[in-house]
Amino acid sequence: TDLMKAKFNTPYLSTYRRLLGIEKASLAIEYVKNLLTDTDEN
């Protein structure tokens, strides 16, 4: 419930979201590569 109202000026919350995005990006790259290689999807 608190997270629904959280303000993103909380430094570590903003830092967390950015770092999490970076960690997810490397895994997302492989996922998207496989999707584009193995299918004809756009």
PDB file of all heavy atoms in Angstrom:
ATOM      1  N   THR A   1       0.835  -1.205   0.000  1.00  0.00           N
ATOM      2  CA  THR A   1       0.000   0.000   0.000  1.00  0.00           C
ATOM      3  C   THR A   1       0.865   1.248   0.000  1.00  0.00           C
ATOM      4  O   THR A   1       0.580   2.227  -0.706  1.00  0.00           O
ATOM      5  CB  THR A   1      -0.924   0.010   1.233  1.00  0.00           C
ATOM      6  OG1 THR A   1      -1.748  -1.152   1.199  1.00  0.00           O
ATOM      7  CG2 THR A   1      -1.807   1.251   1.226  1.00  0.00           C
ATOM      8  N   ASP A   2       1.952   1.217   0.791  1.00  0.00           N
ATOM      9  CA  ASP A   2       2.872   2.354   0.801  1.00  0.00           C
ATOM     10  C   ASP A   2       3.463   2.598  -0.576  1.00  0.00           C
ATOM     11  O   ASP A   2       3.630   3.743  -1.011  1.00  0.00           O
ATOM     12  CB  ASP A   2       4.015   2.117   1.797  1.00  0.00           C
ATOM     13  CG  ASP A   2       3.533   2.106   3.245  1.00  0.00           C
ATOM     14  OD1 ASP A   2       2.521   2.776   3.526  1.00  0.00           O
ATOM     15  OD2 ASP A   2       4.160   1.419   4.057  1.00  0.00           O
ATOM     16  N   LEU A   3       3.804   1.521  -1.267  1.00  0.00           N
ATOM     17  CA  LEU A   3       4.443   1.661  -2.579  1.00  0.00           C
ATOM     18  C   LEU A   3       3.532   2.348  -3.583  1.00  0.00           C
ATOM     19  O   LEU A   3       3.992   2.998  -4.514  1.00  0.00           O
ATOM     20  CB  LEU A   3       4.867   0.287  -3.111  1.00  0.00           C
ATOM     21  CG  LEU A   3       6.115  -0.300  -2.452  1.00  0.00           C
ATOM     22  CD1 LEU A   3       6.311  -1.745  -2.876  1.00  0.00           C
ATOM     23  CD2 LEU A   3       7.338   0.524  -2.806  1.00  0.00           C
ATOM     24  N   MET A   4       2.224   2.222  -3.392  1.00  0.00           N
ATOM     25  CA  MET A   4       1.291   2.897  -4.281  1.00  0.00           C
ATOM     26  C   MET A   4       1.391   4.412  -4.136  1.00  0.00           C
ATOM     27  O   MET A   4       1.062   5.157  -5.048  1.00  0.00           O
ATOM     28  CB  MET A   4      -0.145   2.457  -3.991  1.00  0.00           C
ATOM     29  CG  MET A   4      -0.414   1.004  -4.326  1.00  0.00           C
ATOM     30  SD  MET A   4      -2.095   0.509  -3.894  1.00  0.00           S
ATOM     31  CE  MET A   4      -3.025   1.407  -5.122  1.00  0.00           C
ATOM     32  N   LYS A   5       1.879   4.884  -2.967  1.00  0.00           N
ATOM     33  CA  LYS A   5       1.957   6.312  -2.701  1.00  0.00           C
ATOM     34  C   LYS A   5       3.397   6.811  -2.682  1.00  0.00           C
ATOM     35  O   LYS A   5       3.643   7.983  -2.434  1.00  0.00           O
ATOM     36  CB  LYS A   5       1.321   6.627  -1.346  1.00  0.00           C
ATOM     37  CG  LYS A   5      -0.109   6.148  -1.197  1.00  0.00           C
ATOM     38  CD  LYS A   5      -0.612   6.388   0.217  1.00  0.00           C
ATOM     39  CE  LYS A   5      -2.005   5.821   0.411  1.00  0.00           C
ATOM     40  NZ  LYS A   5      -2.480   5.987   1.797  1.00  0.00           N
ATOM     41  N   ALA A   6       4.368   5.917  -2.924  1.00  0.00           N
ATOM     42  CA  ALA A   6       5.774   6.275  -2.757  1.00  0.00           C
ATOM     43  C   ALA A   6       6.171   7.420  -3.673  1.00  0.00           C
ATOM     44  O   ALA A   6       5.762   7.492  -4.822  1.00  0.00           O
ATOM     45  CB  ALA A   6       6.643   5.055  -3.045  1.00  0.00           C
ATOM     46  N   LYS A   7       6.953   8.352  -3.156  1.00  0.00           N
ATOM     47  CA  LYS A   7       7.487   9.467  -3.930  1.00  0.00           C
ATOM     48  C   LYS A   7       8.874   9.073  -4.421  1.00  0.00           C
ATOM     49  O   LYS A   7       9.693   8.560  -3.663  1.00  0.00           O
ATOM     50  CB  LYS A   7       7.575  10.731  -3.072  1.00  0.00           C
ATOM     51  CG  LYS A   7       6.256  11.134  -2.455  1.00  0.00           C
ATOM     52  CD  LYS A   7       5.233  11.522  -3.491  1.00  0.00           C
ATOM     53  CE  LYS A   7       3.940  12.015  -2.860  1.00  0.00           C
ATOM     54  NZ  LYS A   7       2.922  12.337  -3.845  1.00  0.00           N
ATOM     55  N   PHE A   8       9.147   9.343  -5.688  1.00  0.00           N
ATOM     56  CA  PHE A   8      10.397   8.872  -6.249  1.00  0.00           C
ATOM     57  C   PHE A   8      11.578   9.770  -5.916  1.00  0.00           C
ATOM     58  O   PHE A   8      12.634   9.641  -6.484  1.00  0.00           O
ATOM     59  CB  PHE A   8      10.247   8.696  -7.758  1.00  0.00           C
ATOM     60  CG  PHE A   8       9.229   7.653  -8.098  1.00  0.00           C
ATOM     61  CD1 PHE A   8       8.195   7.934  -8.978  1.00  0.00           C
ATOM     62  CD2 PHE A   8       9.271   6.416  -7.503  1.00  0.00           C
ATOM     63  CE1 PHE A   8       7.243   6.974  -9.277  1.00  0.00           C
ATOM     64  CE2 PHE A   8       8.324   5.443  -7.792  1.00  0.00           C
ATOM     65  CZ  PHE A   8       7.305   5.726  -8.675  1.00  0.00           C
ATOM     66  N   ASN A   9      11.384  10.727  -4.975  1.00  0.00           N
ATOM     67  CA  ASN A   9      12.526  11.486  -4.506  1.00  0.00           C
ATOM     68  C   ASN A   9      13.232  10.765  -3.358  1.00  0.00           C
ATOM     69  O   ASN A   9      14.178  11.264  -2.797  1.00  0.00           O
ATOM     70  CB  ASN A   9      12.115  12.900  -4.071  1.00  0.00           C
ATOM     71  CG  ASN A   9      11.061  12.874  -2.963  1.00  0.00           C
ATOM     72  OD1 ASN A   9      10.673  11.814  -2.508  1.00  0.00           O
ATOM     73  ND2 ASN A   9      10.622  14.052  -2.534  1.00  0.00           N
ATOM     74  N   THR A  10      12.738   9.572  -2.992  1.00  0.00           N
ATOM     75  CA  THR A  10      13.461   8.723  -2.056  1.00  0.00           C
ATOM     76  C   THR A  10      14.687   8.184  -2.780  1.00  0.00           C
ATOM     77  O   THR A  10      14.546   7.383  -3.712  1.00  0.00           O
ATOM     78  CB  THR A  10      12.569   7.554  -1.585  1.00  0.00           C
ATOM     79  OG1 THR A  10      11.362   8.081  -1.038  1.00  0.00           O
ATOM     80  CG2 THR A  10      13.294   6.709  -0.555  1.00  0.00           C
ATOM     81  N   PRO A  11      15.889   8.605  -2.412  1.00  0.00           N
ATOM     82  CA  PRO A  11      17.079   8.317  -3.227  1.00  0.00           C
ATOM     83  C   PRO A  11      17.279   6.848  -3.530  1.00  0.00           C
ATOM     84  O   PRO A  11      17.502   6.469  -4.679  1.00  0.00           O
ATOM     85  CB  PRO A  11      18.215   8.897  -2.380  1.00  0.00           C
ATOM     86  CG  PRO A  11      17.579   9.958  -1.549  1.00  0.00           C
ATOM     87  CD  PRO A  11      16.212   9.435  -1.239  1.00  0.00           C
ATOM     88  N   TYR A  12      17.198   5.994  -2.492  1.00  0.00           N
ATOM     89  CA  TYR A  12      17.512   4.596  -2.755  1.00  0.00           C
ATOM     90  C   TYR A  12      16.426   3.891  -3.558  1.00  0.00           C
ATOM     91  O   TYR A  12      16.688   2.914  -4.253  1.00  0.00           O
ATOM     92  CB  TYR A  12      17.803   3.841  -1.457  1.00  0.00           C
ATOM     93  CG  TYR A  12      16.699   3.838  -0.433  1.00  0.00           C
ATOM     94  CD1 TYR A  12      15.648   2.935  -0.511  1.00  0.00           C
ATOM     95  CD2 TYR A  12      16.714   4.727   0.629  1.00  0.00           C
ATOM     96  CE1 TYR A  12      14.642   2.913   0.419  1.00  0.00           C
ATOM     97  CE2 TYR A  12      15.705   4.722   1.575  1.00  0.00           C
ATOM     98  CZ  TYR A  12      14.664   3.802   1.473  1.00  0.00           C
ATOM     99  OH  TYR A  12      13.656   3.797   2.407  1.00  0.00           O
ATOM    100  N   LEU A  13      15.184   4.411  -3.507  1.00  0.00           N
ATOM    101  CA  LEU A  13      14.127   3.820  -4.320  1.00  0.00           C
ATOM    102  C   LEU A  13      14.361   4.125  -5.797  1.00  0.00           C
ATOM    103  O   LEU A  13      14.241   3.253  -6.660  1.00  0.00           O
ATOM    104  CB  LEU A  13      12.764   4.346  -3.872  1.00  0.00           C
ATOM    105  CG  LEU A  13      11.528   3.729  -4.537  1.00  0.00           C
ATOM    106  CD1 LEU A  13      11.536   2.219  -4.369  1.00  0.00           C
ATOM    107  CD2 LEU A  13      10.266   4.319  -3.937  1.00  0.00           C
ATOM    108  N   SER A  14      14.738   5.351  -6.092  1.00  0.00           N
ATOM    109  CA  SER A  14      15.064   5.711  -7.477  1.00  0.00           C
ATOM    110  C   SER A  14      16.293   4.956  -7.962  1.00  0.00           C
ATOM    111  O   SER A  14      16.327   4.472  -9.108  1.00  0.00           O
ATOM    112  CB  SER A  14      15.301   7.229  -7.581  1.00  0.00           C
ATOM    113  OG  SER A  14      14.154   7.945  -7.206  1.00  0.00           O
ATOM    114  N   THR A  15      17.303   4.865  -7.100  1.00  0.00           N
ATOM    115  CA  THR A  15      18.519   4.124  -7.463  1.00  0.00           C
ATOM    116  C   THR A  15      18.199   2.662  -7.729  1.00  0.00           C
ATOM    117  O   THR A  15      18.695   2.060  -8.694  1.00  0.00           O
ATOM    118  CB  THR A  15      19.557   4.242  -6.330  1.00  0.00           C
ATOM    119  OG1 THR A  15      19.868   5.605  -6.120  1.00  0.00           O
ATOM    120  CG2 THR A  15      20.820   3.473  -6.675  1.00  0.00           C
ATOM    121  N   TYR A  16      17.364   2.096  -6.881  1.00  0.00           N
ATOM    122  CA  TYR A  16      16.964   0.697  -7.046  1.00  0.00           C
ATOM    123  C   TYR A  16      16.327   0.454  -8.413  1.00  0.00           C
ATOM    124  O   TYR A  16      16.675  -0.503  -9.116  1.00  0.00           O
ATOM    125  CB  TYR A  16      15.987   0.312  -5.931  1.00  0.00           C
ATOM    126  CG  TYR A  16      15.292  -1.013  -6.163  1.00  0.00           C
ATOM    127  CD1 TYR A  16      15.891  -2.210  -5.814  1.00  0.00           C
ATOM    128  CD2 TYR A  16      14.022  -1.055  -6.745  1.00  0.00           C
ATOM    129  CE1 TYR A  16      15.258  -3.422  -6.035  1.00  0.00           C
ATOM    130  CE2 TYR A  16      13.380  -2.257  -6.965  1.00  0.00           C
ATOM    131  CZ  TYR A  16      14.001  -3.438  -6.611  1.00  0.00           C
ATOM    132  OH  TYR A  16      13.366  -4.633  -6.841  1.00  0.00           O
ATOM    133  N   ARG A  17      15.408   1.314  -8.778  1.00  0.00           N
ATOM    134  CA  ARG A  17      14.692   1.117 -10.037  1.00  0.00           C
ATOM    135  C   ARG A  17      15.648   1.204 -11.227  1.00  0.00           C
ATOM    136  O   ARG A  17      15.536   0.435 -12.181  1.00  0.00           O
ATOM    137  CB  ARG A  17      13.565   2.145 -10.171  1.00  0.00           C
ATOM    138  CG  ARG A  17      12.500   2.028  -9.101  1.00  0.00           C
ATOM    139  CD  ARG A  17      11.344   2.961  -9.385  1.00  0.00           C
ATOM    140  NE  ARG A  17      10.544   2.459 -10.478  1.00  0.00           N
ATOM    141  CZ  ARG A  17       9.953   3.234 -11.387  1.00  0.00           C
ATOM    142  NH1 ARG A  17      10.105   4.541 -11.342  1.00  0.00           N
ATOM    143  NH2 ARG A  17       9.233   2.703 -12.344  1.00  0.00           N
ATOM    144  N   ARG A  18      16.603   2.134 -11.167  1.00  0.00           N
ATOM    145  CA  ARG A  18      17.549   2.268 -12.272  1.00  0.00           C
ATOM    146  C   ARG A  18      18.474   1.053 -12.347  1.00  0.00           C
ATOM    147  O   ARG A  18      18.703   0.503 -13.423  1.00  0.00           O
ATOM    148  CB  ARG A  18      18.373   3.548 -12.113  1.00  0.00           C
ATOM    149  CG  ARG A  18      19.293   3.836 -13.292  1.00  0.00           C
ATOM    150  CD  ARG A  18      20.052   5.131 -13.105  1.00  0.00           C
ATOM    151  NE  ARG A  18      20.968   5.058 -11.982  1.00  0.00           N
ATOM    152  CZ  ARG A  18      22.183   4.494 -12.053  1.00  0.00           C
ATOM    153  NH1 ARG A  18      22.611   3.957 -13.187  1.00  0.00           N
ATOM    154  NH2 ARG A  18      22.961   4.483 -11.000  1.00  0.00           N
ATOM    155  N   LEU A  19      19.007   0.622 -11.197  1.00  0.00           N
ATOM    156  CA  LEU A  19      19.897  -0.537 -11.186  1.00  0.00           C
ATOM    157  C   LEU A  19      19.165  -1.801 -11.615  1.00  0.00           C
ATOM    158  O   LEU A  19      19.719  -2.645 -12.338  1.00  0.00           O
ATOM    159  CB  LEU A  19      20.501  -0.722  -9.789  1.00  0.00           C
ATOM    160  CG  LEU A  19      21.484   0.358  -9.324  1.00  0.00           C
ATOM    161  CD1 LEU A  19      21.939   0.075  -7.898  1.00  0.00           C
ATOM    162  CD2 LEU A  19      22.684   0.435 -10.260  1.00  0.00           C
ATOM    163  N   LEU A  20      17.923  -1.937 -11.181  1.00  0.00           N
ATOM    164  CA  LEU A  20      17.136  -3.103 -11.579  1.00  0.00           C
ATOM    165  C   LEU A  20      16.928  -3.101 -13.086  1.00  0.00           C
ATOM    166  O   LEU A  20      17.026  -4.154 -13.743  1.00  0.00           O
ATOM    167  CB  LEU A  20      15.786  -3.090 -10.855  1.00  0.00           C
ATOM    168  CG  LEU A  20      14.838  -4.247 -11.196  1.00  0.00           C
ATOM    169  CD1 LEU A  20      15.453  -5.583 -10.781  1.00  0.00           C
ATOM    170  CD2 LEU A  20      13.492  -4.058 -10.500  1.00  0.00           C
ATOM    171  N   GLY A  21      16.657  -1.927 -13.658  1.00  0.00           N
ATOM    172  CA  GLY A  21      16.485  -1.839 -15.102  1.00  0.00           C
ATOM    173  C   GLY A  21      17.734  -2.248 -15.855  1.00  0.00           C
ATOM    174  O   GLY A  21      17.662  -2.943 -16.883  1.00  0.00           O
ATOM    175  N   ILE A  22      18.890  -1.845 -15.329  1.00  0.00           N
ATOM    176  CA  ILE A  22      20.158  -2.222 -15.973  1.00  0.00           C
ATOM    177  C   ILE A  22      20.355  -3.732 -15.919  1.00  0.00           C
ATOM    178  O   ILE A  22      20.763  -4.366 -16.905  1.00  0.00           O
ATOM    179  CB  ILE A  22      21.329  -1.484 -15.290  1.00  0.00           C
ATOM    180  CG1 ILE A  22      21.252   0.017 -15.606  1.00  0.00           C
ATOM    181  CG2 ILE A  22      22.672  -2.064 -15.729  1.00  0.00           C
ATOM    182  CD1 ILE A  22      22.230   0.861 -14.827  1.00  0.00           C
ATOM    183  N   GLU A  23      20.078  -4.335 -14.755  1.00  0.00           N
ATOM    184  CA  GLU A  23      20.216  -5.785 -14.632  1.00  0.00           C
ATOM    185  C   GLU A  23      19.252  -6.521 -15.566  1.00  0.00           C
ATOM    186  O   GLU A  23      19.608  -7.533 -16.170  1.00  0.00           O
ATOM    187  CB  GLU A  23      19.968  -6.217 -13.184  1.00  0.00           C
ATOM    188  CG  GLU A  23      20.985  -5.701 -12.185  1.00  0.00           C
ATOM    189  CD  GLU A  23      22.376  -6.271 -12.424  1.00  0.00           C
ATOM    190  OE1 GLU A  23      22.505  -7.308 -13.096  1.00  0.00           O
ATOM    191  OE2 GLU A  23      23.353  -5.668 -11.933  1.00  0.00           O
ATOM    192  N   LYS A  24      18.048  -5.986 -15.689  1.00  0.00           N
ATOM    193  CA  LYS A  24      17.063  -6.650 -16.552  1.00  0.00           C
ATOM    194  C   LYS A  24      17.409  -6.492 -18.019  1.00  0.00           C
ATOM    195  O   LYS A  24      17.085  -7.361 -18.840  1.00  0.00           O
ATOM    196  CB  LYS A  24      15.670  -6.073 -16.282  1.00  0.00           C
ATOM    197  CG  LYS A  24      15.093  -6.474 -14.931  1.00  0.00           C
ATOM    198  CD  LYS A  24      13.838  -5.686 -14.598  1.00  0.00           C
ATOM    199  CE  LYS A  24      12.707  -6.020 -15.537  1.00  0.00           C
ATOM    200  NZ  LYS A  24      11.473  -5.306 -15.163  1.00  0.00           N
ATOM    201  N   ALA A  25      18.075  -5.386 -18.368  1.00  0.00           N
ATOM    202  CA  ALA A  25      18.351  -5.115 -19.777  1.00  0.00           C
ATOM    203  C   ALA A  25      19.205  -6.204 -20.405  1.00  0.00           C
ATOM    204  O   ALA A  25      18.938  -6.643 -21.539  1.00  0.00           O
ATOM    205  CB  ALA A  25      19.038  -3.761 -19.921  1.00  0.00           C
ATOM    206  N   SER A  26      20.236  -6.659 -19.690  1.00  0.00           N
ATOM    207  CA  SER A  26      21.112  -7.671 -20.276  1.00  0.00           C
ATOM    208  C   SER A  26      20.370  -8.983 -20.526  1.00  0.00           C
ATOM    209  O   SER A  26      20.599  -9.666 -21.524  1.00  0.00           O
ATOM    210  CB  SER A  26      22.324  -7.916 -19.361  1.00  0.00           C
ATOM    211  OG  SER A  26      21.899  -8.327 -18.071  1.00  0.00           O
ATOM    212  N   LEU A  27      19.470  -9.324 -19.629  1.00  0.00           N
ATOM    213  CA  LEU A  27      18.666 -10.533 -19.827  1.00  0.00           C
ATOM    214  C   LEU A  27      17.594 -10.317 -20.889  1.00  0.00           C
ATOM    215  O   LEU A  27      17.270 -11.236 -21.647  1.00  0.00           O
ATOM    216  CB  LEU A  27      18.026 -10.927 -18.500  1.00  0.00           C
ATOM    217  CG  LEU A  27      19.009 -11.265 -17.363  1.00  0.00           C
ATOM    218  CD1 LEU A  27      18.263 -11.451 -16.054  1.00  0.00           C
ATOM    219  CD2 LEU A  27      19.808 -12.512 -17.703  1.00  0.00           C
ATOM    220  N   ALA A  28      17.073  -9.098 -20.948  1.00  0.00           N
ATOM    221  CA  ALA A  28      16.053  -8.795 -21.955  1.00  0.00           C
ATOM    222  C   ALA A  28      16.629  -8.886 -23.362  1.00  0.00           C
ATOM    223  O   ALA A  28      15.937  -9.316 -24.300  1.00  0.00           O
ATOM    224  CB  ALA A  28      15.483  -7.400 -21.715  1.00  0.00           C
ATOM    225  N   ILE A  29      17.882  -8.476 -23.507  1.00  0.00           N
ATOM    226  CA  ILE A  29      18.521  -8.526 -24.829  1.00  0.00           C
ATOM    227  C   ILE A  29      18.502  -9.950 -25.372  1.00  0.00           C
ATOM    228  O   ILE A  29      18.147 -10.177 -26.538  1.00  0.00           O
ATOM    229  CB  ILE A  29      19.956  -7.978 -24.741  1.00  0.00           C
ATOM    230  CG1 ILE A  29      19.918  -6.460 -24.533  1.00  0.00           C
ATOM    231  CG2 ILE A  29      20.763  -8.322 -26.006  1.00  0.00           C
ATOM    232  CD1 ILE A  29      21.245  -5.857 -24.125  1.00  0.00           C
ATOM    233  N   GLU A  30      18.864 -10.905 -24.548  1.00  0.00           N
ATOM    234  CA  GLU A  30      18.865 -12.295 -25.002  1.00  0.00           C
ATOM    235  C   GLU A  30      17.453 -12.785 -25.311  1.00  0.00           C
ATOM    236  O   GLU A  30      17.229 -13.512 -26.276  1.00  0.00           O
ATOM    237  CB  GLU A  30      19.519 -13.196 -23.949  1.00  0.00           C
ATOM    238  CG  GLU A  30      21.003 -12.936 -23.764  1.00  0.00           C
ATOM    239  CD  GLU A  30      21.763 -13.048 -25.078  1.00  0.00           C
ATOM    240  OE1 GLU A  30      21.575 -14.052 -25.791  1.00  0.00           O
ATOM    241  OE2 GLU A  30      22.524 -12.123 -25.402  1.00  0.00           O
ATOM    242  N   TYR A  31      16.501 -12.363 -24.478  1.00  0.00           N
ATOM    243  CA  TYR A  31      15.115 -12.779 -24.700  1.00  0.00           C
ATOM    244  C   TYR A  31      14.607 -12.252 -26.041  1.00  0.00           C
ATOM    245  O   TYR A  31      13.992 -12.992 -26.824  1.00  0.00           O
ATOM    246  CB  TYR A  31      14.236 -12.270 -23.555  1.00  0.00           C
ATOM    247  CG  TYR A  31      12.788 -12.703 -23.680  1.00  0.00           C
ATOM    248  CD1 TYR A  31      12.375 -13.932 -23.183  1.00  0.00           C
ATOM    249  CD2 TYR A  31      11.845 -11.882 -24.299  1.00  0.00           C
ATOM    250  CE1 TYR A  31      11.056 -14.334 -23.309  1.00  0.00           C
ATOM    251  CE2 TYR A  31      10.523 -12.271 -24.421  1.00  0.00           C
ATOM    252  CZ  TYR A  31      10.137 -13.500 -23.923  1.00  0.00           C
ATOM    253  OH  TYR A  31       8.827 -13.899 -24.057  1.00  0.00           O
ATOM    254  N   VAL A  32      14.847 -10.973 -26.311  1.00  0.00           N
ATOM    255  CA  VAL A  32      14.369 -10.368 -27.558  1.00  0.00           C
ATOM    256  C   VAL A  32      15.109 -10.947 -28.765  1.00  0.00           C
ATOM    257  O   VAL A  32      14.511 -11.177 -29.819  1.00  0.00           O
ATOM    258  CB  VAL A  32      14.519  -8.836 -27.497  1.00  0.00           C
ATOM    259  CG1 VAL A  32      14.128  -8.206 -28.830  1.00  0.00           C
ATOM    260  CG2 VAL A  32      13.654  -8.263 -26.379  1.00  0.00           C
ATOM    261  N   LYS A  33      16.413 -11.185 -28.612  1.00  0.00           N
ATOM    262  CA  LYS A  33      17.171 -11.803 -29.704  1.00  0.00           C
ATOM    263  C   LYS A  33      16.557 -13.139 -30.094  1.00  0.00           C
ATOM    264  O   LYS A  33      16.357 -13.427 -31.287  1.00  0.00           O
ATOM    265  CB  LYS A  33      18.631 -12.018 -29.279  1.00  0.00           C
ATOM    266  CG  LYS A  33      19.539 -10.816 -29.391  1.00  0.00           C
ATOM    267  CD  LYS A  33      20.961 -11.207 -29.018  1.00  0.00           C
ATOM    268  CE  LYS A  33      21.913 -10.025 -29.156  1.00  0.00           C
ATOM    269  NZ  LYS A  33      23.297 -10.399 -28.749  1.00  0.00           N
ATOM    270  N   ASN A  34      16.258 -13.965 -29.109  1.00  0.00           N
ATOM    271  CA  ASN A  34      15.663 -15.274 -29.392  1.00  0.00           C
ATOM    272  C   ASN A  34      14.298 -15.129 -30.047  1.00  0.00           C
ATOM    273  O   ASN A  34      13.952 -15.877 -30.972  1.00  0.00           O
ATOM    274  CB  ASN A  34      15.550 -16.087 -28.108  1.00  0.00           C
ATOM    275  CG  ASN A  34      16.900 -16.497 -27.548  1.00  0.00           C
ATOM    276  OD1 ASN A  34      17.881 -16.581 -28.287  1.00  0.00           O
ATOM    277  ND2 ASN A  34      16.973 -16.736 -26.251  1.00  0.00           N
ATOM    278  N   LEU A  35      13.520 -14.164 -29.571  1.00  0.00           N
ATOM    279  CA  LEU A  35      12.188 -13.956 -30.137  1.00  0.00           C
ATOM    280  C   LEU A  35      12.273 -13.557 -31.610  1.00  0.00           C
ATOM    281  O   LEU A  35      11.526 -14.071 -32.457  1.00  0.00           O
ATOM    282  CB  LEU A  35      11.463 -12.876 -29.327  1.00  0.00           C
ATOM    283  CG  LEU A  35      10.011 -12.577 -29.694  1.00  0.00           C
ATOM    284  CD1 LEU A  35       9.148 -13.812 -29.491  1.00  0.00           C
ATOM    285  CD2 LEU A  35       9.479 -11.428 -28.847  1.00  0.00           C
ATOM    286  N   LEU A  36      13.189 -12.653 -31.925  1.00  0.00           N
ATOM    287  CA  LEU A  36      13.336 -12.189 -33.307  1.00  0.00           C
ATOM    288  C   LEU A  36      13.957 -13.248 -34.204  1.00  0.00           C
ATOM    289  O   LEU A  36      13.664 -13.318 -35.397  1.00  0.00           O
ATOM    290  CB  LEU A  36      14.182 -10.914 -33.341  1.00  0.00           C
ATOM    291  CG  LEU A  36      13.522  -9.661 -32.758  1.00  0.00           C
ATOM    292  CD1 LEU A  36      14.554  -8.561 -32.551  1.00  0.00           C
ATOM    293  CD2 LEU A  36      12.416  -9.161 -33.675  1.00  0.00           C
ATOM    294  N   THR A  37      14.821 -14.087 -33.633  1.00  0.00           N
ATOM    295  CA  THR A  37      15.507 -15.118 -34.424  1.00  0.00           C
ATOM    296  C   THR A  37      14.618 -16.329 -34.669  1.00  0.00           C
ATOM    297  O   THR A  37      14.606 -16.900 -35.768  1.00  0.00           O
ATOM    298  CB  THR A  37      16.795 -15.559 -33.703  1.00  0.00           C
ATOM    299  OG1 THR A  37      17.648 -14.425 -33.524  1.00  0.00           O
ATOM    300  CG2 THR A  37      17.537 -16.613 -34.525  1.00  0.00           C
ATOM    301  N   ASP A  38      13.871 -16.703 -33.651  1.00  0.00           N
ATOM    302  CA  ASP A  38      13.095 -17.940 -33.729  1.00  0.00           C
ATOM    303  C   ASP A  38      11.707 -17.759 -34.322  1.00  0.00           C
ATOM    304  O   ASP A  38      11.028 -18.743 -34.615  1.00  0.00           O
ATOM    305  CB  ASP A  38      12.962 -18.558 -32.326  1.00  0.00           C
ATOM    306  CG  ASP A  38      14.304 -18.942 -31.727  1.00  0.00           C
ATOM    307  OD1 ASP A  38      15.272 -19.072 -32.507  1.00  0.00           O
ATOM    308  OD2 ASP A  38      14.388 -19.082 -30.496  1.00  0.00           O
ATOM    309  N   THR A  39      11.247 -16.523 -34.464  1.00  0.00           N
ATOM    310  CA  THR A  39       9.912 -16.263 -35.004  1.00  0.00           C
ATOM    311  C   THR A  39       9.993 -15.178 -36.066  1.00  0.00           C
ATOM    312  O   THR A  39      11.047 -14.563 -36.267  1.00  0.00           O
ATOM    313  CB  THR A  39       8.943 -15.796 -33.896  1.00  0.00           C
ATOM    314  OG1 THR A  39       9.268 -14.445 -33.534  1.00  0.00           O
ATOM    315  CG2 THR A  39       9.039 -16.689 -32.668  1.00  0.00           C
ATOM    316  N   ASP A  40       8.873 -14.931 -36.714  1.00  0.00           N
ATOM    317  CA  ASP A  40       8.797 -13.814 -37.657  1.00  0.00           C
ATOM    318  C   ASP A  40       8.006 -12.642 -37.059  1.00  0.00           C
ATOM    319  O   ASP A  40       7.530 -11.770 -37.773  1.00  0.00           O
ATOM    320  CB  ASP A  40       8.159 -14.265 -38.974  1.00  0.00           C
ATOM    321  CG  ASP A  40       6.750 -14.814 -38.776  1.00  0.00           C
ATOM    322  OD1 ASP A  40       6.290 -14.898 -37.609  1.00  0.00           O
ATOM    323  OD2 ASP A  40       6.111 -15.167 -39.790  1.00  0.00           O
ATOM    324  N   GLU A  41       7.891 -12.603 -35.721  1.00  0.00           N
ATOM    325  CA  GLU A  41       7.132 -11.566 -35.032  1.00  0.00           C
ATOM    326  C   GLU A  41       7.827 -10.208 -35.151  1.00  0.00           C
ATOM    327  O   GLU A  41       9.055 -10.114 -35.256  1.00  0.00           O
ATOM    328  CB  GLU A  41       6.991 -11.902 -33.544  1.00  0.00           C
ATOM    329  CG  GLU A  41       6.318 -13.232 -33.257  1.00  0.00           C
ATOM    330  CD  GLU A  41       4.816 -13.133 -33.249  1.00  0.00           C
ATOM    331  OE1 GLU A  41       4.295 -12.029 -33.510  1.00  0.00           O
ATOM    332  OE2 GLU A  41       4.153 -14.151 -32.977  1.00  0.00           O
ATOM    333  N   ASN A  42       7.022  -9.148 -35.119  1.00  0.00           N
ATOM    334  CA  ASN A  42       7.519  -7.781 -35.005  1.00  0.00           C
ATOM    335  C   ASN A  42       7.347  -7.348 -33.563  1.00  0.00           C
ATOM    336  O   ASN A  42       6.303  -7.602 -32.942  1.00  0.00           O
ATOM    337  CB  ASN A  42       6.757  -6.861 -35.952  1.00  0.00           C
ATOM    338  CG  ASN A  42       6.964  -7.259 -37.406  1.00  0.00           C
ATOM    339  OD1 ASN A  42       8.020  -7.033 -37.964  1.00  0.00           O
ATOM    340  ND2 ASN A  42       5.944  -7.857 -38.016  1.00  0.00           N
TER     341      ASN A  42
END
